[in-house]
Amino acid sequence: MRNRRIIMMWLSATIAVMFALPFCVARLASECSGMALCMMLFFIVNPIYSAILGFRCGRDVRQMWSLPLISSITFLAGAWLFFDIREVWFIIYAATYLAIGWVAMGINRYLNNKR
C-alpha cells in the first residue's frame, strides 16, 4: 500500500513537471521570456527531474522501472500539445530524458547492491 502511494506521488509530480510546466510556458509567458523559459525547462528542469526520478526509482526497480518511461511520454505529449508543433527534436529530448532516468536508476541500483 505504501509503495502504491509513492508511485502515485511521483506520477503527480511527473504530470506537474512534464505536462503542466510546458503549458504554463506556452500559454502564460510572453514571447520574449517564453523562449528563455523553454530553454531553462528543456535543458535544466527536465533533465534534473529525470535524474532525481530515476535515482529514486533505483531503490525499487521492480515496481518503479516504468516511471522514467511515463515521464518521457508525458513530456512528449505536453510538448506536442502545448507548443503546437510536431517537431522531431521533441522525440530526441524525450529519449534523452528517458536515458538520463534509466542511467540514474541503474547507478542507484548499483550503489545499493554494493552495500
Protein backbone atom coordinates (compact mmCIF):
# COMPACT_ATOMS: atom_id res chain seq x y z
CA MET A 1 0.00 0.00 0.00
CA ARG A 2 2.84 2.38 0.86
CA ASN A 3 4.56 1.66 -2.46
CA ARG A 4 1.39 2.48 -4.39
CA ARG A 5 1.17 5.84 -2.61
CA ILE A 6 4.79 6.63 -3.52
CA ILE A 7 4.17 5.76 -7.16
CA MET A 8 1.07 7.98 -7.23
CA MET A 9 3.06 10.83 -5.69
CA TRP A 10 5.75 10.52 -8.37
CA LEU A 11 3.13 10.31 -11.12
CA SER A 12 1.57 13.53 -9.83
CA ALA A 13 4.97 15.23 -9.75
CA THR A 14 5.67 13.97 -13.27
CA ILE A 15 2.43 15.41 -14.57
CA ALA A 16 3.19 18.71 -12.86
CA VAL A 17 6.75 18.99 -14.18
CA MET A 18 6.48 17.42 -17.63
CA PHE A 19 2.93 18.43 -18.57
CA ALA A 20 1.87 21.49 -16.57
CA LEU A 21 5.13 23.45 -16.86
CA PRO A 22 5.13 23.39 -20.69
CA PHE A 23 1.51 24.56 -20.53
CA CYS A 24 2.49 27.46 -18.29
CA VAL A 25 5.38 28.43 -20.54
CA ALA A 26 3.39 28.14 -23.78
CA ARG A 27 0.22 29.86 -22.63
CA LEU A 28 1.17 32.27 -19.87
CA ALA A 29 4.63 33.60 -20.76
CA SER A 30 5.24 36.37 -23.25
CA GLU A 31 7.10 35.56 -26.44
CA CYS A 32 10.32 37.22 -25.28
CA SER A 33 10.52 35.41 -21.98
CA GLY A 34 8.88 32.25 -23.34
CA MET A 35 11.95 31.23 -25.32
CA ALA A 36 14.24 31.66 -22.31
CA LEU A 37 11.82 29.72 -20.13
CA CYS A 38 11.65 26.92 -22.74
CA MET A 39 15.43 26.65 -22.77
CA MET A 40 15.54 26.53 -18.98
CA LEU A 41 12.78 23.93 -18.97
CA PHE A 42 14.33 21.69 -21.65
CA PHE A 43 17.98 21.97 -20.57
CA ILE A 44 17.82 22.38 -16.78
CA VAL A 45 14.49 21.49 -15.14
CA ASN A 46 13.53 18.38 -17.11
CA PRO A 47 16.97 16.68 -17.06
CA ILE A 48 17.35 17.32 -13.32
CA TYR A 49 13.86 15.99 -12.68
CA SER A 50 14.57 12.91 -14.82
CA ALA A 51 17.77 12.23 -12.87
CA ILE A 52 16.05 12.63 -9.50
CA LEU A 53 13.14 10.43 -10.58
CA GLY A 54 15.45 7.76 -11.95
CA PHE A 55 17.64 7.81 -8.86
CA ARG A 56 14.56 7.36 -6.65
CA CYS A 57 13.26 4.56 -8.87
CA GLY A 58 16.56 2.73 -8.40
CA ARG A 59 15.52 1.83 -4.87
CA ASP A 60 12.68 -0.37 -6.13
CA VAL A 61 13.32 -1.18 -9.77
CA ARG A 62 10.72 -3.95 -9.97
CA GLN A 63 7.86 -1.64 -9.04
CA MET A 64 9.06 1.69 -10.44
CA TRP A 65 11.00 0.88 -13.64
CA SER A 66 8.31 2.40 -15.84
CA LEU A 67 8.21 5.83 -14.22
CA PRO A 68 11.06 7.29 -16.33
CA LEU A 69 9.28 5.97 -19.42
CA ILE A 70 5.99 7.53 -18.31
CA SER A 71 7.84 10.77 -17.61
CA SER A 72 9.29 10.87 -21.13
CA ILE A 73 5.94 10.11 -22.75
CA THR A 74 4.27 12.78 -20.63
CA PHE A 75 6.90 15.31 -21.74
CA LEU A 76 6.35 14.40 -25.38
CA ALA A 77 2.57 14.69 -25.07
CA GLY A 78 2.81 18.03 -23.30
CA ALA A 79 5.37 19.49 -25.70
CA TRP A 80 3.44 18.44 -28.80
CA LEU A 81 0.12 19.56 -27.37
CA PHE A 82 1.06 22.93 -25.93
CA PHE A 83 3.70 24.12 -28.39
CA ASP A 84 1.50 23.23 -31.40
CA ILE A 85 4.35 21.78 -33.44
CA ARG A 86 5.12 18.16 -34.12
CA GLU A 87 8.87 18.69 -34.09
CA VAL A 88 11.02 15.55 -34.30
CA TRP A 89 13.52 17.05 -31.83
CA PHE A 90 10.98 16.65 -29.04
CA ILE A 91 11.31 12.87 -29.55
CA ILE A 92 15.07 13.21 -29.12
CA TYR A 93 14.56 15.27 -25.94
CA ALA A 94 12.16 12.61 -24.62
CA ALA A 95 14.63 9.83 -25.43
CA THR A 96 17.39 11.78 -23.69
CA TYR A 97 15.24 12.27 -20.58
CA LEU A 98 14.45 8.54 -20.63
CA ALA A 99 18.14 7.68 -20.90
CA ILE A 100 19.00 10.06 -18.03
CA GLY A 101 16.29 8.48 -15.87
CA TRP A 102 17.31 4.90 -16.60
CA VAL A 103 21.02 5.63 -16.14
CA ALA A 104 20.32 7.27 -12.77
CA MET A 105 18.16 4.29 -11.85
CA GLY A 106 20.96 1.92 -12.78
CA ILE A 107 23.51 3.92 -10.80
CA ASN A 108 21.34 3.87 -7.68
CA ARG A 109 20.67 0.16 -8.11
CA TYR A 110 24.41 -0.49 -8.49
CA LEU A 111 25.22 1.59 -5.41
CA ASN A 112 22.56 -0.21 -3.35
CA ASN A 113 23.92 -3.63 -4.36
CA LYS A 114 27.45 -2.66 -3.32
CA ARG A 115 26.37 -2.14 0.31
